Amino acid sequence: MLVTWCNAMQHSVTKSKSKLVKICKKMKIKRVCEFCGKEFTAQTVTKRFCSTQCTNRSYKLRKRQEFVATYILKEQQEKKDLMKSLTKEVMTVRLAAEYLSIHPVTIYRYIRSGIIRAMHLPGKTLIKRADIDHLFETLGDIPERTHEFKEAKKAELTTVKETAQRYSISFPGAYKLLKEHKIPCTTIRGKTYYSLAHVTRLFNKRERESHPEITEWYTSEEICRKYDMTLSAVYNFINENGIPSKRVKRLAYYSKHHVDVIKEKSDGPVSSDYYTVQECMSKYNFSREQVYHHLKYHNVKRIHKGKYCMFLKRDFDRIFEIPEPR
């Protein structure tokens, strides 16, 4: 009888809970989001935010505020402990540095030089606060610092800017040269100076090696225009043939005489038995790609003379001959 009554009561409770859940699901509660302030419809009585995004942002903001509050409390506690330590009659080196607002290394230097008296114990150095306070009464006025250096020494030095202006080169170029040749340097009042004697010897040597007998020069653009070459072809030609060159500021110049002599040897008169690519393009109304396609496809033998690619006329004409009927 008792068991039957308990089962009936449990069934009624379960049924009441399911009804309550259905009622809650149908509930529509108007709320205001605690993070963004937007009004929304909540499905439960405990919902505080309108979206998952607001929930996450609110959580991060709360954690950030907790971290800042903890950090401020910790910093205040450290300041209290430090002020309490600074009132002691005997200090360690670290506390003495905090007291004078300088680095502990400076305190050790003062101890070695005898400015501050200290007692050395195994693993610890102690200083009396009274000795530090006494320094302000015994030490005289601090002499004014002067950073003057002798004019004679300054006359023997030069800067990168002065070097660039004197020898008409760019600032980066002058800096690179001085670094590459390891010119002796020194720093005075935060400015780097180089030995003038070494700089003069370096540029005198470069001037002797820059072919003073050559008076006429080409730029790379002039070579491109005169000989119908690309810029990369010009640089390859210069490197392969060892053309004398010089650099003035940011421009490179190449010996006109050497370029003309080498190009005249390589670009001599073309034989009448050969086509050049340009002649073949004119005769057959082909593009350059079509000419090279036929040369490669039909295995036509080619020769190179200077800037010209040449091939026998009879070999190329044979490709387009109309065969005689049998």
C-alpha atoms as a PDB file:
ATOM      1  CA  MET A   1       0.000   0.000   0.000  1.00  0.00           C
ATOM      2  CA  LEU A   2       2.816   2.373   0.959  1.00  0.00           C
ATOM      3  CA  VAL A   3       4.798   1.482  -2.156  1.00  0.00           C
ATOM      4  CA  THR A   4       1.812   2.158  -4.368  1.00  0.00           C
ATOM      5  CA  TRP A   5       1.318   5.573  -2.716  1.00  0.00           C
ATOM      6  CA  CYS A   6       5.021   6.510  -3.202  1.00  0.00           C
ATOM      7  CA  ASN A   7       4.915   5.549  -6.874  1.00  0.00           C
ATOM      8  CA  ALA A   8       1.805   7.636  -7.385  1.00  0.00           C
ATOM      9  CA  MET A   9       3.394  10.657  -5.714  1.00  0.00           C
ATOM     10  CA  GLN A  10       6.596  10.316  -7.833  1.00  0.00           C
ATOM     11  CA  HIS A  11       4.537  10.110 -10.998  1.00  0.00           C
ATOM     12  CA  SER A  12       2.580  13.219 -10.085  1.00  0.00           C
ATOM     13  CA  VAL A  13       5.802  15.176  -9.308  1.00  0.00           C
ATOM     14  CA  THR A  14       7.368  14.142 -12.634  1.00  0.00           C
ATOM     15  CA  LYS A  15       4.223  15.139 -14.452  1.00  0.00           C
ATOM     16  CA  SER A  16       4.179  18.520 -12.670  1.00  0.00           C
ATOM     17  CA  LYS A  17       7.841  19.144 -13.613  1.00  0.00           C
ATOM     18  CA  SER A  18       7.193  18.381 -17.285  1.00  0.00           C
ATOM     19  CA  LYS A  19       4.246  20.754 -17.279  1.00  0.00           C
ATOM     20  CA  LEU A  20       6.378  23.458 -15.640  1.00  0.00           C
ATOM     21  CA  VAL A  21       9.110  23.003 -18.295  1.00  0.00           C
ATOM     22  CA  LYS A  22       6.564  23.345 -21.082  1.00  0.00           C
ATOM     23  CA  ILE A  23       5.194  26.505 -19.481  1.00  0.00           C
ATOM     24  CA  CYS A  24       8.707  27.970 -19.105  1.00  0.00           C
ATOM     25  CA  LYS A  25       9.508  27.221 -22.739  1.00  0.00           C
ATOM     26  CA  LYS A  26       6.475  29.160 -23.816  1.00  0.00           C
ATOM     27  CA  MET A  27       7.394  32.112 -21.575  1.00  0.00           C
ATOM     28  CA  LYS A  28       8.678  35.290 -23.245  1.00  0.00           C
ATOM     29  CA  ILE A  29      10.424  37.626 -20.833  1.00  0.00           C
ATOM     30  CA  LYS A  30      11.499  41.113 -21.929  1.00  0.00           C
ATOM     31  CA  ARG A  31      14.989  41.935 -20.676  1.00  0.00           C
ATOM     32  CA  VAL A  32      17.799  44.436 -21.305  1.00  0.00           C
ATOM     33  CA  CYS A  33      21.283  43.068 -22.123  1.00  0.00           C
ATOM     34  CA  GLU A  34      23.707  43.898 -19.309  1.00  0.00           C
ATOM     35  CA  PHE A  35      26.594  44.421 -21.771  1.00  0.00           C
ATOM     36  CA  CYS A  36      25.264  46.256 -24.834  1.00  0.00           C
ATOM     37  CA  GLY A  37      21.999  47.622 -23.361  1.00  0.00           C
ATOM     38  CA  LYS A  38      19.874  46.199 -26.167  1.00  0.00           C
ATOM     39  CA  GLU A  39      16.370  44.902 -25.348  1.00  0.00           C
ATOM     40  CA  PHE A  40      15.774  41.205 -26.107  1.00  0.00           C
ATOM     41  CA  THR A  41      13.344  38.378 -25.392  1.00  0.00           C
ATOM     42  CA  ALA A  42      14.690  35.874 -22.832  1.00  0.00           C
ATOM     43  CA  GLN A  43      13.574  32.242 -22.741  1.00  0.00           C
ATOM     44  CA  THR A  44      14.683  31.739 -19.135  1.00  0.00           C
ATOM     45  CA  VAL A  45      14.539  33.900 -16.035  1.00  0.00           C
ATOM     46  CA  THR A  46      18.333  33.692 -15.544  1.00  0.00           C
ATOM     47  CA  LYS A  47      19.396  34.897 -19.016  1.00  0.00           C
ATOM     48  CA  ARG A  48      21.372  38.175 -18.720  1.00  0.00           C
ATOM     49  CA  PHE A  49      22.803  38.759 -22.209  1.00  0.00           C
ATOM     50  CA  CYS A  50      21.241  38.995 -25.633  1.00  0.00           C
ATOM     51  CA  SER A  51      23.804  36.814 -27.474  1.00  0.00           C
ATOM     52  CA  THR A  52      26.812  34.570 -27.023  1.00  0.00           C
ATOM     53  CA  GLN A  53      29.030  37.406 -28.241  1.00  0.00           C
ATOM     54  CA  CYS A  54      27.876  39.701 -25.434  1.00  0.00           C
ATOM     55  CA  THR A  55      28.322  36.857 -22.921  1.00  0.00           C
ATOM     56  CA  ASN A  56      31.937  36.301 -23.999  1.00  0.00           C
ATOM     57  CA  ARG A  57      32.744  40.019 -24.066  1.00  0.00           C
ATOM     58  CA  SER A  58      31.271  40.525 -20.626  1.00  0.00           C
ATOM     59  CA  TYR A  59      33.309  37.614 -19.277  1.00  0.00           C
ATOM     60  CA  LYS A  60      36.555  39.000 -20.755  1.00  0.00           C
ATOM     61  CA  LEU A  61      35.817  42.485 -19.411  1.00  0.00           C
ATOM     62  CA  ARG A  62      35.177  41.100 -15.933  1.00  0.00           C
ATOM     63  CA  LYS A  63      38.412  39.096 -15.984  1.00  0.00           C
ATOM     64  CA  ARG A  64      40.357  42.131 -17.222  1.00  0.00           C
ATOM     65  CA  GLN A  65      38.978  44.298 -14.424  1.00  0.00           C
ATOM     66  CA  GLU A  66      39.847  41.620 -11.866  1.00  0.00           C
ATOM     67  CA  PHE A  67      43.421  41.417 -13.218  1.00  0.00           C
ATOM     68  CA  VAL A  68      43.868  45.215 -13.116  1.00  0.00           C
ATOM     69  CA  ALA A  69      42.498  45.418  -9.584  1.00  0.00           C
ATOM     70  CA  THR A  70      44.832  42.605  -8.435  1.00  0.00           C
ATOM     71  CA  TYR A  71      47.823  44.274 -10.118  1.00  0.00           C
ATOM     72  CA  ILE A  72      47.091  47.656  -8.501  1.00  0.00           C
ATOM     73  CA  LEU A  73      46.766  46.064  -5.060  1.00  0.00           C
ATOM     74  CA  LYS A  74      50.030  44.161  -5.550  1.00  0.00           C
ATOM     75  CA  GLU A  75      51.842  47.312  -6.689  1.00  0.00           C
ATOM     76  CA  GLN A  76      50.537  49.293  -3.718  1.00  0.00           C
ATOM     77  CA  GLN A  77      51.634  46.540  -1.340  1.00  0.00           C
ATOM     78  CA  GLU A  78      55.126  46.478  -2.910  1.00  0.00           C
ATOM     79  CA  LYS A  79      55.418  50.257  -2.496  1.00  0.00           C
ATOM     80  CA  LYS A  80      54.397  49.990   1.157  1.00  0.00           C
ATOM     81  CA  ASP A  81      56.960  47.238   1.743  1.00  0.00           C
ATOM     82  CA  LEU A  82      59.645  49.272  -0.054  1.00  0.00           C
ATOM     83  CA  MET A  83      58.910  52.434   1.958  1.00  0.00           C
ATOM     84  CA  LYS A  84      59.009  50.371   5.130  1.00  0.00           C
ATOM     85  CA  SER A  85      62.380  48.912   4.112  1.00  0.00           C
ATOM     86  CA  LEU A  86      63.813  52.336   3.271  1.00  0.00           C
ATOM     87  CA  THR A  87      63.210  53.522   6.808  1.00  0.00           C
ATOM     88  CA  LYS A  88      65.625  50.894   8.167  1.00  0.00           C
ATOM     89  CA  GLU A  89      69.002  52.044   9.445  1.00  0.00           C
ATOM     90  CA  VAL A  90      70.875  49.335   7.491  1.00  0.00           C
ATOM     91  CA  MET A  91      70.217  48.663   3.818  1.00  0.00           C
ATOM     92  CA  THR A  92      71.268  46.175   1.199  1.00  0.00           C
ATOM     93  CA  VAL A  93      72.745  47.339  -2.096  1.00  0.00           C
ATOM     94  CA  ARG A  94      69.400  46.920  -3.854  1.00  0.00           C
ATOM     95  CA  LEU A  95      67.555  49.024  -1.282  1.00  0.00           C
ATOM     96  CA  ALA A  96      70.296  51.672  -1.384  1.00  0.00           C
ATOM     97  CA  ALA A  97      69.909  51.832  -5.167  1.00  0.00           C
ATOM     98  CA  GLU A  98      66.144  52.272  -4.751  1.00  0.00           C
ATOM     99  CA  TYR A  99      66.774  54.961  -2.120  1.00  0.00           C
ATOM    100  CA  LEU A 100      69.037  56.954  -4.474  1.00  0.00           C
ATOM    101  CA  SER A 101      67.089  56.018  -7.655  1.00  0.00           C
ATOM    102  CA  ILE A 102      70.166  54.615  -9.381  1.00  0.00           C
ATOM    103  CA  HIS A 103      71.300  51.179 -10.581  1.00  0.00           C
ATOM    104  CA  PRO A 104      72.841  48.691  -8.099  1.00  0.00           C
ATOM    105  CA  VAL A 105      75.965  48.517 -10.311  1.00  0.00           C
ATOM    106  CA  THR A 106      76.496  52.226  -9.656  1.00  0.00           C
ATOM    107  CA  ILE A 107      76.299  51.584  -5.894  1.00  0.00           C
ATOM    108  CA  TYR A 108      79.018  48.912  -6.207  1.00  0.00           C
ATOM    109  CA  ARG A 109      81.162  51.363  -8.186  1.00  0.00           C
ATOM    110  CA  TYR A 110      80.744  53.992  -5.456  1.00  0.00           C
ATOM    111  CA  ILE A 111      81.735  51.405  -2.843  1.00  0.00           C
ATOM    112  CA  ARG A 112      84.911  50.451  -4.767  1.00  0.00           C
ATOM    113  CA  SER A 113      85.873  54.110  -5.225  1.00  0.00           C
ATOM    114  CA  GLY A 114      85.338  54.845  -1.504  1.00  0.00           C
ATOM    115  CA  ILE A 115      82.445  57.287  -1.910  1.00  0.00           C
ATOM    116  CA  ILE A 116      80.104  55.045   0.106  1.00  0.00           C
ATOM    117  CA  ARG A 117      81.228  52.963   3.071  1.00  0.00           C
ATOM    118  CA  ALA A 118      79.920  49.401   3.267  1.00  0.00           C
ATOM    119  CA  MET A 119      80.269  46.265   5.363  1.00  0.00           C
ATOM    120  CA  HIS A 120      80.893  43.060   3.431  1.00  0.00           C
ATOM    121  CA  LEU A 121      79.412  39.855   4.824  1.00  0.00           C
ATOM    122  CA  PRO A 122      79.370  36.410   3.203  1.00  0.00           C
ATOM    123  CA  GLY A 123      76.825  36.748   0.400  1.00  0.00           C
ATOM    124  CA  LYS A 124      75.630  40.207   1.418  1.00  0.00           C
ATOM    125  CA  THR A 125      76.805  43.825   1.431  1.00  0.00           C
ATOM    126  CA  LEU A 126      75.246  46.218   3.958  1.00  0.00           C
ATOM    127  CA  ILE A 127      75.222  50.023   3.924  1.00  0.00           C
ATOM    128  CA  LYS A 128      74.178  52.461   6.660  1.00  0.00           C
ATOM    129  CA  ARG A 129      71.455  54.902   5.658  1.00  0.00           C
ATOM    130  CA  ALA A 130      73.155  57.557   7.786  1.00  0.00           C
ATOM    131  CA  ASP A 131      76.311  57.279   5.621  1.00  0.00           C
ATOM    132  CA  ILE A 132      74.239  57.862   2.471  1.00  0.00           C
ATOM    133  CA  ASP A 133      72.505  60.882   4.035  1.00  0.00           C
ATOM    134  CA  HIS A 134      75.890  62.206   5.167  1.00  0.00           C
ATOM    135  CA  LEU A 135      77.112  62.263   1.551  1.00  0.00           C
ATOM    136  CA  PHE A 136      74.808  65.183   0.740  1.00  0.00           C
ATOM    137  CA  GLU A 137      76.470  67.254   3.466  1.00  0.00           C
ATOM    138  CA  THR A 138      80.129  66.400   2.739  1.00  0.00           C
ATOM    139  CA  LEU A 139      80.283  66.311  -1.063  1.00  0.00           C
ATOM    140  CA  GLY A 140      80.822  69.634  -2.797  1.00  0.00           C
ATOM    141  CA  ASP A 141      79.219  70.967  -5.935  1.00  0.00           C
ATOM    142  CA  ILE A 142      79.255  68.631  -8.911  1.00  0.00           C
ATOM    143  CA  PRO A 143      81.553  70.005 -11.609  1.00  0.00           C
ATOM    144  CA  GLU A 144      79.871  70.819 -14.874  1.00  0.00           C
ATOM    145  CA  ARG A 145      80.459  68.179 -17.527  1.00  0.00           C
ATOM    146  CA  THR A 146      82.213  69.292 -20.691  1.00  0.00           C
ATOM    147  CA  HIS A 147      82.349  67.282 -23.884  1.00  0.00           C
ATOM    148  CA  GLU A 148      84.842  69.457 -25.697  1.00  0.00           C
ATOM    149  CA  PHE A 149      87.523  67.769 -27.741  1.00  0.00           C
ATOM    150  CA  LYS A 150      90.610  69.253 -29.293  1.00  0.00           C
ATOM    151  CA  GLU A 151      90.227  71.104 -32.576  1.00  0.00           C
ATOM    152  CA  ALA A 152      93.394  69.451 -33.824  1.00  0.00           C
ATOM    153  CA  LYS A 153      91.814  66.018 -33.278  1.00  0.00           C
ATOM    154  CA  LYS A 154      88.580  67.111 -34.954  1.00  0.00           C
ATOM    155  CA  ALA A 155      90.539  68.279 -38.008  1.00  0.00           C
ATOM    156  CA  GLU A 156      91.902  64.745 -38.393  1.00  0.00           C
ATOM    157  CA  LEU A 157      88.394  63.248 -38.535  1.00  0.00           C
ATOM    158  CA  THR A 158      85.528  63.283 -41.009  1.00  0.00           C
ATOM    159  CA  THR A 159      81.920  62.115 -41.147  1.00  0.00           C
ATOM    160  CA  VAL A 160      80.068  60.039 -43.728  1.00  0.00           C
ATOM    161  CA  LYS A 161      78.135  63.112 -44.898  1.00  0.00           C
ATOM    162  CA  GLU A 162      81.327  65.137 -45.439  1.00  0.00           C
ATOM    163  CA  THR A 163      82.910  62.211 -47.308  1.00  0.00           C
ATOM    164  CA  ALA A 164      79.882  61.874 -49.588  1.00  0.00           C
ATOM    165  CA  GLN A 165      79.928  65.608 -50.391  1.00  0.00           C
ATOM    166  CA  ARG A 166      83.700  65.748 -50.923  1.00  0.00           C
ATOM    167  CA  TYR A 167      83.824  62.817 -53.386  1.00  0.00           C
ATOM    168  CA  SER A 168      80.383  63.313 -55.048  1.00  0.00           C
ATOM    169  CA  ILE A 169      78.880  59.987 -54.048  1.00  0.00           C
ATOM    170  CA  SER A 170      75.665  59.089 -52.281  1.00  0.00           C
ATOM    171  CA  PHE A 171      75.447  58.865 -48.488  1.00  0.00           C
ATOM    172  CA  PRO A 172      74.668  55.082 -48.494  1.00  0.00           C
ATOM    173  CA  GLY A 173      77.525  54.508 -50.951  1.00  0.00           C
ATOM    174  CA  ALA A 174      80.007  56.384 -48.766  1.00  0.00           C
ATOM    175  CA  TYR A 175      78.842  54.551 -45.634  1.00  0.00           C
ATOM    176  CA  LYS A 176      79.163  51.163 -47.379  1.00  0.00           C
ATOM    177  CA  LEU A 177      82.700  51.940 -48.592  1.00  0.00           C
ATOM    178  CA  LEU A 178      83.878  53.029 -45.147  1.00  0.00           C
ATOM    179  CA  LYS A 179      82.416  49.903 -43.552  1.00  0.00           C
ATOM    180  CA  GLU A 180      83.735  47.500 -46.219  1.00  0.00           C
ATOM    181  CA  HIS A 181      87.310  48.837 -45.943  1.00  0.00           C
ATOM    182  CA  LYS A 182      87.120  48.949 -42.102  1.00  0.00           C
ATOM    183  CA  ILE A 183      88.128  52.603 -41.797  1.00  0.00           C
ATOM    184  CA  PRO A 184      89.001  53.388 -38.109  1.00  0.00           C
ATOM    185  CA  CYS A 185      86.228  55.315 -36.409  1.00  0.00           C
ATOM    186  CA  THR A 186      85.351  56.838 -33.052  1.00  0.00           C
ATOM    187  CA  THR A 187      82.173  58.160 -31.440  1.00  0.00           C
ATOM    188  CA  ILE A 188      82.167  61.661 -29.941  1.00  0.00           C
ATOM    189  CA  ARG A 189      78.999  62.995 -28.321  1.00  0.00           C
ATOM    190  CA  GLY A 190      76.905  60.394 -30.109  1.00  0.00           C
ATOM    191  CA  LYS A 191      78.327  61.181 -33.564  1.00  0.00           C
ATOM    192  CA  THR A 192      80.574  58.800 -35.535  1.00  0.00           C
ATOM    193  CA  TYR A 193      83.805  60.175 -36.986  1.00  0.00           C
ATOM    194  CA  TYR A 194      86.223  58.403 -39.352  1.00  0.00           C
ATOM    195  CA  SER A 195      89.973  58.855 -39.799  1.00  0.00           C
ATOM    196  CA  LEU A 196      90.460  61.463 -42.508  1.00  0.00           C
ATOM    197  CA  ALA A 197      93.905  60.099 -43.479  1.00  0.00           C
ATOM    198  CA  HIS A 198      92.518  56.590 -44.102  1.00  0.00           C
ATOM    199  CA  VAL A 199      89.539  57.971 -46.058  1.00  0.00           C
ATOM    200  CA  THR A 200      91.846  60.086 -48.264  1.00  0.00           C
ATOM    201  CA  ARG A 201      94.109  57.099 -49.001  1.00  0.00           C
ATOM    202  CA  LEU A 202      91.083  54.938 -49.865  1.00  0.00           C
ATOM    203  CA  PHE A 203      89.639  57.387 -52.394  1.00  0.00           C
ATOM    204  CA  ASN A 204      93.059  58.203 -53.887  1.00  0.00           C
ATOM    205  CA  LYS A 205      93.537  54.493 -54.546  1.00  0.00           C
ATOM    206  CA  ARG A 206      90.065  54.243 -56.101  1.00  0.00           C
ATOM    207  CA  GLU A 207      90.832  57.232 -58.322  1.00  0.00           C
ATOM    208  CA  ARG A 208      94.083  55.630 -59.569  1.00  0.00           C
ATOM    209  CA  GLU A 209      92.139  52.456 -60.409  1.00  0.00           C
ATOM    210  CA  SER A 210      89.323  54.310 -62.208  1.00  0.00           C
ATOM    211  CA  HIS A 211      91.184  54.625 -65.578  1.00  0.00           C
ATOM    212  CA  PRO A 212      91.991  58.370 -65.754  1.00  0.00           C
ATOM    213  CA  GLU A 213      93.106  57.932 -69.396  1.00  0.00           C
ATOM    214  CA  ILE A 214      89.473  57.219 -70.419  1.00  0.00           C
ATOM    215  CA  THR A 215      87.602  60.434 -71.165  1.00  0.00           C
ATOM    216  CA  GLU A 216      84.420  59.190 -72.917  1.00  0.00           C
ATOM    217  CA  TRP A 217      81.838  57.081 -71.170  1.00  0.00           C
ATOM    218  CA  TYR A 218      78.469  55.415 -71.821  1.00  0.00           C
ATOM    219  CA  THR A 219      75.611  54.909 -69.400  1.00  0.00           C
ATOM    220  CA  SER A 220      73.736  51.601 -69.576  1.00  0.00           C
ATOM    221  CA  GLU A 221      70.696  53.363 -71.098  1.00  0.00           C
ATOM    222  CA  GLU A 222      72.843  54.823 -73.907  1.00  0.00           C
ATOM    223  CA  ILE A 223      74.232  51.369 -74.734  1.00  0.00           C
ATOM    224  CA  CYS A 224      70.668  49.993 -74.818  1.00  0.00           C
ATOM    225  CA  ARG A 225      69.542  52.673 -77.296  1.00  0.00           C
ATOM    226  CA  LYS A 226      72.601  52.537 -79.559  1.00  0.00           C
ATOM    227  CA  TYR A 227      72.921  48.752 -79.890  1.00  0.00           C
ATOM    228  CA  ASP A 228      69.260  47.776 -79.420  1.00  0.00           C
ATOM    229  CA  MET A 229      69.942  45.679 -76.318  1.00  0.00           C
ATOM    230  CA  THR A 230      67.973  45.008 -73.166  1.00  0.00           C
ATOM    231  CA  LEU A 231      69.302  46.187 -69.819  1.00  0.00           C
ATOM    232  CA  SER A 232      70.075  42.633 -68.649  1.00  0.00           C
ATOM    233  CA  ALA A 233      71.923  41.964 -71.936  1.00  0.00           C
ATOM    234  CA  VAL A 234      74.015  45.104 -71.373  1.00  0.00           C
ATOM    235  CA  TYR A 235      75.006  43.978 -67.864  1.00  0.00           C
ATOM    236  CA  ASN A 236      75.917  40.500 -69.143  1.00  0.00           C
ATOM    237  CA  PHE A 237      77.964  42.057 -71.956  1.00  0.00           C
ATOM    238  CA  ILE A 238      79.801  44.338 -69.476  1.00  0.00           C
ATOM    239  CA  ASN A 239      80.636  41.461 -67.114  1.00  0.00           C
ATOM    240  CA  GLU A 240      81.672  38.983 -69.817  1.00  0.00           C
ATOM    241  CA  ASN A 241      84.020  41.417 -71.548  1.00  0.00           C
ATOM    242  CA  GLY A 242      85.404  43.189 -68.478  1.00  0.00           C
ATOM    243  CA  ILE A 243      84.493  46.698 -69.651  1.00  0.00           C
ATOM    244  CA  PRO A 244      86.173  49.400 -67.459  1.00  0.00           C
ATOM    245  CA  SER A 245      83.603  51.243 -65.395  1.00  0.00           C
ATOM    246  CA  LYS A 246      83.283  53.997 -62.825  1.00  0.00           C
ATOM    247  CA  ARG A 247      80.497  55.223 -60.562  1.00  0.00           C
ATOM    248  CA  VAL A 248      79.584  58.867 -60.018  1.00  0.00           C
ATOM    249  CA  LYS A 249      76.929  59.316 -57.325  1.00  0.00           C
ATOM    250  CA  ARG A 250      74.264  56.761 -58.281  1.00  0.00           C
ATOM    251  CA  LEU A 251      75.125  56.393 -61.978  1.00  0.00           C
ATOM    252  CA  ALA A 252      77.466  53.772 -63.448  1.00  0.00           C
ATOM    253  CA  TYR A 253      79.511  54.699 -66.517  1.00  0.00           C
ATOM    254  CA  TYR A 254      81.246  52.331 -68.978  1.00  0.00           C
ATOM    255  CA  SER A 255      84.172  52.995 -71.316  1.00  0.00           C
ATOM    256  CA  LYS A 256      82.844  54.142 -74.714  1.00  0.00           C
ATOM    257  CA  HIS A 257      85.992  53.053 -76.556  1.00  0.00           C
ATOM    258  CA  HIS A 258      85.979  49.495 -75.172  1.00  0.00           C
ATOM    259  CA  VAL A 259      82.251  49.002 -75.845  1.00  0.00           C
ATOM    260  CA  ASP A 260      82.487  50.266 -79.437  1.00  0.00           C
ATOM    261  CA  VAL A 261      85.580  48.171 -80.280  1.00  0.00           C
ATOM    262  CA  ILE A 262      84.071  44.929 -78.955  1.00  0.00           C
ATOM    263  CA  LYS A 263      80.695  45.539 -80.608  1.00  0.00           C
ATOM    264  CA  GLU A 264      82.317  46.350 -83.997  1.00  0.00           C
ATOM    265  CA  LYS A 265      84.237  43.072 -83.893  1.00  0.00           C
ATOM    266  CA  SER A 266      81.175  41.016 -83.021  1.00  0.00           C
ATOM    267  CA  ASP A 267      78.626  42.941 -85.120  1.00  0.00           C
ATOM    268  CA  GLY A 268      80.486  42.849 -88.435  1.00  0.00           C
ATOM    269  CA  PRO A 269      78.854  42.765 -91.884  1.00  0.00           C
ATOM    270  CA  VAL A 270      76.306  39.985 -92.343  1.00  0.00           C
ATOM    271  CA  SER A 271      76.845  37.549 -95.252  1.00  0.00           C
ATOM    272  CA  SER A 272      74.286  37.660 -98.102  1.00  0.00           C
ATOM    273  CA  ASP A 273      73.818  33.878 -97.845  1.00  0.00           C
ATOM    274  CA  TYR A 274      72.174  34.227 -94.447  1.00  0.00           C
ATOM    275  CA  TYR A 275      68.907  35.531 -93.076  1.00  0.00           C
ATOM    276  CA  THR A 276      68.670  37.442 -89.862  1.00  0.00           C
ATOM    277  CA  VAL A 277      65.482  37.083 -87.829  1.00  0.00           C
ATOM    278  CA  GLN A 278      64.411  40.626 -88.760  1.00  0.00           C
ATOM    279  CA  GLU A 279      64.906  39.965 -92.492  1.00  0.00           C
ATOM    280  CA  CYS A 280      62.953  36.735 -92.290  1.00  0.00           C
ATOM    281  CA  MET A 281      60.104  38.492 -90.474  1.00  0.00           C
ATOM    282  CA  SER A 282      59.935  41.143 -93.202  1.00  0.00           C
ATOM    283  CA  LYS A 283      60.041  38.681 -96.100  1.00  0.00           C
ATOM    284  CA  TYR A 284      57.466  36.152 -94.845  1.00  0.00           C
ATOM    285  CA  ASN A 285      55.405  38.535 -92.716  1.00  0.00           C
ATOM    286  CA  PHE A 286      56.038  36.379 -89.625  1.00  0.00           C
ATOM    287  CA  SER A 287      56.241  37.333 -85.995  1.00  0.00           C
ATOM    288  CA  ARG A 288      59.447  36.640 -84.095  1.00  0.00           C
ATOM    289  CA  GLU A 289      57.821  33.677 -82.307  1.00  0.00           C
ATOM    290  CA  GLN A 290      56.744  32.129 -85.624  1.00  0.00           C
ATOM    291  CA  VAL A 291      60.273  32.403 -87.051  1.00  0.00           C
ATOM    292  CA  TYR A 292      61.786  30.664 -84.013  1.00  0.00           C
ATOM    293  CA  HIS A 293      59.051  28.023 -84.116  1.00  0.00           C
ATOM    294  CA  HIS A 294      59.917  27.059 -87.709  1.00  0.00           C
ATOM    295  CA  LEU A 295      63.639  27.086 -86.939  1.00  0.00           C
ATOM    296  CA  LYS A 296      63.153  24.718 -84.035  1.00  0.00           C
ATOM    297  CA  TYR A 297      60.505  22.496 -85.629  1.00  0.00           C
ATOM    298  CA  HIS A 298      62.502  21.933 -88.856  1.00  0.00           C
ATOM    299  CA  ASN A 299      65.907  21.765 -87.125  1.00  0.00           C
ATOM    300  CA  VAL A 300      67.384  24.650 -89.091  1.00  0.00           C
ATOM    301  CA  LYS A 301      71.028  25.222 -88.115  1.00  0.00           C
ATOM    302  CA  ARG A 302      71.640  28.631 -86.587  1.00  0.00           C
ATOM    303  CA  ILE A 303      74.750  30.671 -85.882  1.00  0.00           C
ATOM    304  CA  HIS A 304      75.172  33.715 -83.637  1.00  0.00           C
ATOM    305  CA  LYS A 305      77.224  36.721 -84.629  1.00  0.00           C
ATOM    306  CA  GLY A 306      77.134  39.473 -82.072  1.00  0.00           C
ATOM    307  CA  LYS A 307      73.503  40.400 -81.516  1.00  0.00           C
ATOM    308  CA  TYR A 308      72.334  38.589 -84.678  1.00  0.00           C
ATOM    309  CA  CYS A 309      70.875  35.100 -84.950  1.00  0.00           C
ATOM    310  CA  MET A 310      71.499  33.936 -88.549  1.00  0.00           C
ATOM    311  CA  PHE A 311      70.611  30.913 -90.619  1.00  0.00           C
ATOM    312  CA  LEU A 312      71.122  29.933 -94.274  1.00  0.00           C
ATOM    313  CA  LYS A 313      68.552  31.264 -96.701  1.00  0.00           C
ATOM    314  CA  ARG A 314      68.351  28.012 -98.669  1.00  0.00           C
ATOM    315  CA  ASP A 315      67.567  25.995 -95.496  1.00  0.00           C
ATOM    316  CA  PHE A 316      64.729  28.278 -94.481  1.00  0.00           C
ATOM    317  CA  ASP A 317      63.322  28.780 -98.010  1.00  0.00           C
ATOM    318  CA  ARG A 318      63.243  25.015 -98.535  1.00  0.00           C
ATOM    319  CA  ILE A 319      60.589  24.749 -95.799  1.00  0.00           C
ATOM    320  CA  PHE A 320      58.088  26.794 -97.836  1.00  0.00           C
ATOM    321  CA  GLU A 321      58.915  25.495-101.325  1.00  0.00           C
ATOM    322  CA  ILE A 322      55.964  23.980-103.197  1.00  0.00           C
ATOM    323  CA  PRO A 323      56.907  20.420-104.165  1.00  0.00           C
ATOM    324  CA  GLU A 324      56.842  19.664-107.906  1.00  0.00           C
ATOM    325  CA  PRO A 325      54.112  17.258-109.055  1.00  0.00           C
ATOM    326  CA  ARG A 326      55.296  13.820-110.081  1.00  0.00           C
END
